[in-house]
Protein backbone atom coordinates (compact mmCIF):
# COMPACT_ATOMS: atom_id res chain seq x y z
CA UNK A 1 15.12 33.18 -109.82
CA UNK A 2 15.13 29.31 -110.13
CA UNK A 3 17.93 28.42 -107.56
CA UNK A 4 15.98 30.12 -104.79
CA UNK A 5 13.39 27.42 -104.41
CA UNK A 6 16.03 24.72 -104.38
CA UNK A 7 17.51 26.23 -101.28
CA UNK A 8 14.26 26.39 -99.61
CA UNK A 9 13.51 22.64 -100.15
CA UNK A 10 17.03 21.73 -98.85
CA UNK A 11 16.36 23.18 -95.37
CA UNK A 12 13.74 20.82 -94.26
CA UNK A 13 15.68 17.83 -95.31
CA UNK A 14 18.62 18.78 -92.91
CA UNK A 15 16.03 19.36 -90.19
CA UNK A 16 14.59 15.81 -90.50
CA UNK A 17 17.94 14.34 -90.36
CA UNK A 18 18.75 16.20 -87.07
CA UNK A 19 15.34 14.85 -85.63
CA UNK A 20 16.06 11.21 -86.41
CA UNK A 21 18.48 10.61 -83.29
CA UNK A 22 15.88 12.23 -81.10
CA UNK A 23 13.21 9.79 -82.29
CA UNK A 24 15.59 6.83 -81.63
CA UNK A 25 16.63 8.00 -78.15
CA UNK A 26 12.82 8.25 -77.37
CA UNK A 27 12.31 4.81 -78.51
CA UNK A 28 15.34 3.47 -76.47
CA UNK A 29 13.74 5.44 -73.39
CA UNK A 30 10.44 3.63 -73.79
CA UNK A 31 12.01 0.24 -73.88
CA UNK A 32 13.92 0.78 -70.63
CA UNK A 33 10.77 2.00 -68.92
CA UNK A 34 8.99 -0.99 -70.11
CA UNK A 35 11.64 -3.34 -68.66
CA UNK A 36 11.24 -1.55 -65.19
CA UNK A 37 7.51 -1.90 -65.36
CA UNK A 38 7.72 -5.60 -66.05
CA UNK A 39 9.98 -6.18 -62.89
CA UNK A 40 7.32 -4.50 -60.76
CA UNK A 41 4.77 -6.74 -62.17
CA UNK A 42 6.87 -9.78 -61.15
CA UNK A 43 7.35 -8.46 -57.67
CA UNK A 44 3.45 -7.96 -57.57
CA UNK A 45 2.95 -11.53 -58.60
CA UNK A 46 5.27 -12.82 -56.00
CA UNK A 47 3.48 -10.76 -53.23
CA UNK A 48 0.01 -12.13 -54.76
CA UNK A 49 1.31 -15.74 -54.43
CA UNK A 50 2.36 -15.18 -50.69
CA UNK A 51 -1.29 -14.26 -50.03
CA UNK A 52 -2.22 -17.78 -50.85
CA UNK A 53 -0.30 -19.29 -47.87
CA UNK A 54 -1.98 -20.57 -44.81
CA UNK A 55 -0.85 -20.37 -41.28
CA UNK A 56 -1.50 -23.39 -39.07
CA UNK A 57 -1.08 -22.99 -35.45
CA UNK A 58 -0.99 -26.24 -33.28
CA UNK A 59 -0.23 -27.18 -29.75
CA UNK A 60 0.71 -30.59 -28.39
CA UNK A 61 1.89 -32.10 -25.07
CA UNK A 62 4.19 -35.00 -24.48
CA UNK A 63 4.18 -36.90 -21.10
CA UNK A 64 6.72 -39.37 -19.71
CA UNK A 65 6.01 -41.67 -16.73
CA UNK A 66 8.91 -42.75 -14.62
CA UNK A 67 9.59 -43.71 -10.94
CA UNK A 68 11.03 -41.06 -8.67
CA UNK A 69 14.81 -41.58 -7.73
CA UNK A 70 15.27 -39.36 -4.72
CA UNK A 71 13.87 -39.81 -1.21
CA UNK A 72 13.94 -37.09 1.19
CA UNK A 73 13.25 -37.08 5.03
CA UNK A 74 12.78 -33.96 7.11
CA UNK A 75 13.24 -34.23 10.92
CA UNK A 76 12.90 -31.59 13.62
CA UNK A 77 14.27 -31.46 17.01
CA UNK A 78 12.51 -29.39 19.71
CA UNK A 79 13.06 -28.71 23.42
CA UNK A 80 11.70 -26.41 26.05
CA UNK A 81 13.51 -25.06 29.16
CA UNK A 82 13.21 -21.99 31.53
CA UNK A 83 16.02 -20.22 29.54
CA UNK A 84 16.72 -19.80 25.91
CA UNK A 85 20.16 -20.91 26.24
CA UNK A 86 19.12 -24.26 27.91
CA UNK A 87 16.50 -24.88 25.13
CA UNK A 88 18.98 -24.13 22.38
CA UNK A 89 21.60 -26.41 23.97
CA UNK A 90 19.18 -29.40 24.11
CA UNK A 91 18.30 -28.83 20.44
CA UNK A 92 21.90 -28.52 19.41
CA UNK A 93 22.85 -31.90 21.03
CA UNK A 94 19.92 -33.68 19.39
CA UNK A 95 20.58 -32.27 15.92
CA UNK A 96 24.41 -32.75 16.14
CA UNK A 97 23.83 -36.47 17.14
CA UNK A 98 21.36 -37.06 14.27
CA UNK A 99 23.66 -35.38 11.69
CA UNK A 100 26.57 -37.44 12.90
CA UNK A 101 24.69 -40.62 12.24
CA UNK A 102 23.64 -39.47 8.71
CA UNK A 103 27.02 -38.40 7.77
CA UNK A 104 28.20 -41.76 8.66
CA UNK A 105 26.13 -43.45 5.71
CA UNK A 106 27.50 -43.24 2.22
CA UNK A 107 25.24 -41.82 -0.35
CA UNK A 108 23.29 -39.21 1.75
CA UNK A 109 23.11 -35.56 1.51
CA UNK A 110 22.50 -33.80 5.00
CA UNK A 111 21.67 -30.16 5.65
CA UNK A 112 20.45 -28.24 8.69
CA UNK A 113 17.47 -25.93 7.96
CA UNK A 114 15.40 -23.62 9.82
CA UNK A 115 16.25 -22.69 13.58
CA UNK A 116 13.65 -20.80 15.69
CA UNK A 117 13.48 -19.80 19.39
CA UNK A 118 10.37 -18.50 20.86
CA UNK A 119 9.18 -17.55 24.42
CA UNK A 120 6.03 -18.98 25.78
CA UNK A 121 4.22 -16.92 28.59
CA UNK A 122 3.35 -18.59 31.77
CA UNK A 123 -0.21 -19.98 32.09
CA UNK A 124 -1.19 -19.45 35.79
CA UNK A 125 -4.54 -20.94 35.41
CA UNK A 126 -3.14 -24.34 34.41
CA UNK A 127 0.12 -23.96 36.54
CA UNK A 128 2.36 -23.84 33.66
CA UNK A 129 5.45 -21.79 33.85
CA UNK A 130 7.07 -19.57 31.24
CA UNK A 131 9.23 -21.44 28.80
CA UNK A 132 11.60 -20.97 25.93
CA UNK A 133 11.25 -23.27 23.08
CA UNK A 134 13.81 -24.03 20.59
CA UNK A 135 13.31 -25.98 17.31
CA UNK A 136 15.53 -26.90 14.31
CA UNK A 137 14.95 -29.06 11.31
CA UNK A 138 17.19 -31.17 9.19
CA UNK A 139 16.99 -32.63 5.68
CA UNK A 140 18.24 -35.94 4.64
CA UNK A 141 18.17 -36.97 0.85
CA UNK A 142 19.23 -40.22 -0.67
CA UNK A 143 19.17 -41.42 -4.23
CA UNK A 144 18.52 -44.90 -3.07
CA UNK A 145 15.64 -45.34 -0.46
CA UNK A 146 17.22 -48.49 0.78
CA UNK A 147 20.05 -46.44 2.14
CA UNK A 148 17.79 -44.05 3.91
CA UNK A 149 14.87 -45.95 5.30
CA UNK A 150 16.95 -47.94 7.93
CA UNK A 151 18.33 -44.71 9.28
CA UNK A 152 15.00 -43.20 9.91
CA UNK A 153 14.16 -45.35 12.94
CA UNK A 154 17.66 -44.59 14.56
CA UNK A 155 17.25 -40.98 14.19
CA UNK A 156 13.70 -40.94 15.72
CA UNK A 157 15.09 -42.77 18.74
CA UNK A 158 17.23 -39.72 19.39
CA UNK A 159 14.05 -37.89 19.88
CA UNK A 160 13.69 -36.28 16.63
CA UNK A 161 10.33 -36.23 14.96
CA UNK A 162 9.93 -37.08 11.25
CA UNK A 163 7.73 -34.31 9.69
CA UNK A 164 8.12 -35.26 5.88
CA UNK A 165 8.98 -38.18 3.95
CA UNK A 166 8.62 -38.08 0.18
CA UNK A 167 9.83 -39.22 -3.10
CA UNK A 168 10.81 -36.90 -5.87
CA UNK A 169 12.67 -36.69 -9.22
CA UNK A 170 16.37 -35.63 -8.96
CA UNK A 171 17.23 -32.64 -11.22
CA UNK A 172 19.35 -34.58 -13.61
CA UNK A 173 16.77 -37.26 -13.98
CA UNK A 174 13.99 -34.89 -14.50
CA UNK A 175 16.02 -33.13 -17.23
CA UNK A 176 16.49 -36.07 -19.08
CA UNK A 177 12.79 -37.10 -18.90
CA UNK A 178 11.81 -33.59 -19.91
CA UNK A 179 13.84 -33.92 -23.06
CA UNK A 180 12.03 -37.09 -24.02
CA UNK A 181 8.62 -35.39 -23.27
CA UNK A 182 9.59 -32.53 -25.60
CA UNK A 183 10.52 -35.02 -28.20
CA UNK A 184 7.23 -36.56 -28.09
CA UNK A 185 5.46 -33.19 -28.17
CA UNK A 186 7.25 -32.17 -31.16
CA UNK A 187 6.65 -35.43 -33.08
CA UNK A 188 2.99 -35.24 -32.36
CA UNK A 189 2.93 -31.64 -33.71
CA UNK A 190 4.49 -32.81 -37.11
CA UNK A 191 1.97 -35.61 -37.39
CA UNK A 192 -0.93 -33.27 -36.81
CA UNK A 193 0.39 -30.70 -39.16
CA UNK A 194 0.74 -33.14 -41.89
CA UNK A 195 -2.78 -34.49 -41.29
CA UNK A 196 -4.18 -31.04 -41.22
CA UNK A 197 -2.52 -30.07 -44.44
CA UNK A 198 -3.62 -33.23 -46.16
CA UNK A 199 -7.10 -32.62 -45.16
CA UNK A 200 -7.12 -29.10 -46.54
CA UNK A 201 -5.48 -29.98 -49.83
CA UNK A 202 -2.34 -28.07 -48.84
CA UNK A 203 1.35 -28.83 -48.23
CA UNK A 204 3.67 -27.85 -45.25
CA UNK A 205 6.52 -25.86 -46.70
CA UNK A 206 8.00 -24.54 -43.53
CA UNK A 207 7.71 -23.93 -39.89
CA UNK A 208 7.43 -20.32 -38.88
CA UNK A 209 7.98 -20.71 -35.00
CA UNK A 210 8.30 -23.15 -32.24
CA UNK A 211 7.95 -22.60 -28.52
CA UNK A 212 8.52 -25.29 -25.86
CA UNK A 213 7.15 -24.90 -22.45
CA UNK A 214 7.94 -26.97 -19.34
CA UNK A 215 4.85 -27.94 -17.27
CA UNK A 216 4.87 -27.57 -13.51
CA UNK A 217 7.38 -29.73 -11.73
CA UNK A 218 5.71 -32.92 -10.26
CA UNK A 219 4.98 -32.44 -6.58
CA UNK A 220 6.70 -34.87 -4.19
CA UNK A 221 4.92 -37.92 -3.21
CA UNK A 222 4.42 -37.55 0.49
CA UNK A 223 4.29 -40.60 2.83
CA UNK A 224 2.22 -41.21 5.85
CA UNK A 225 4.02 -39.41 8.47
CA UNK A 226 1.60 -40.70 11.05
CA UNK A 227 2.82 -44.21 10.34
CA UNK A 228 6.30 -42.91 10.54
CA UNK A 229 5.90 -41.49 13.88
CA UNK A 230 4.29 -44.68 15.16
CA UNK A 231 7.46 -46.47 14.11
CA UNK A 232 9.42 -44.80 16.69
CA UNK A 233 7.74 -46.71 19.27
CA UNK A 234 9.07 -49.98 18.01
CA UNK A 235 12.22 -48.40 16.25
CA UNK A 236 11.23 -50.09 13.03
CA UNK A 237 11.82 -48.26 9.78
CA UNK A 238 8.80 -46.53 8.06
CA UNK A 239 7.84 -47.75 4.68
CA UNK A 240 7.95 -45.57 1.47
CA UNK A 241 6.23 -47.05 -1.42
CA UNK A 242 7.28 -45.70 -4.93
CA UNK A 243 4.84 -44.45 -7.37
CA UNK A 244 5.56 -43.38 -10.91
CA UNK A 245 5.51 -39.50 -11.64
CA UNK A 246 4.71 -37.62 -14.73
CA UNK A 247 6.89 -35.15 -16.57
CA UNK A 248 5.10 -33.10 -19.20
CA UNK A 249 6.16 -30.64 -21.95
CA UNK A 250 4.20 -28.64 -24.12
CA UNK A 251 4.94 -27.55 -27.77
CA UNK A 252 3.49 -24.56 -29.74
CA UNK A 253 4.32 -24.15 -33.33
CA UNK A 254 3.07 -22.14 -36.49
CA UNK A 255 3.29 -23.98 -39.78
CA UNK A 256 3.21 -22.36 -43.08
CA UNK A 257 0.98 -24.20 -45.64
CA UNK A 258 0.77 -23.51 -49.44
CA UNK A 259 -1.28 -25.16 -52.37
């Protein structure tokens, strides 16, 4: 009768030994989950830190002044005759002669432009017969006004009228000036961003975006055409004074500020 109680007490002991690994595995599992929770907390802190940033959006412009380097003259020849062929023949002769004179000068770019022919009805009340009117224009451009100006009087003496005379910036020259203007605009942006950050007690950490915009191309500077036409009377060359033109660029940027 005595051995029976001893076997009964031994069974719980074996049960406790089998349960020990289970408790250990539970403890290990708890430690692993705690590590994952800590990592999420760190990510949350980083996200919270990002909410302290401030976005600063600024705009600035840079302007460069420079004299134009390209002089352009536009002439037109016009003739009227009872037939379209006769009117066109006269205009063709005038234009060919003017272009031949221009092609003989080094440093000029010459091109023929619009050509029109129209019919004008007879005016019986004023005794004006019906006519055909032909007209064509030519454009002459020079990088040096001293080359083109002496030619203007000669072309006007060939019965061509000067309709336009203006200074402008050539494309290569304007591109170089635009780059300078962009540099000025960006430099101003940097200075303003630093000043704003200092005033706010913050620091510029990075630039999120930058956008450069080219302002409208300067309009050519037209000369006094009336004076140019009057010059044809005495065959003297019209004057074309040079005035500086502006090239402007705009820069927009977004700066990121942190404490």
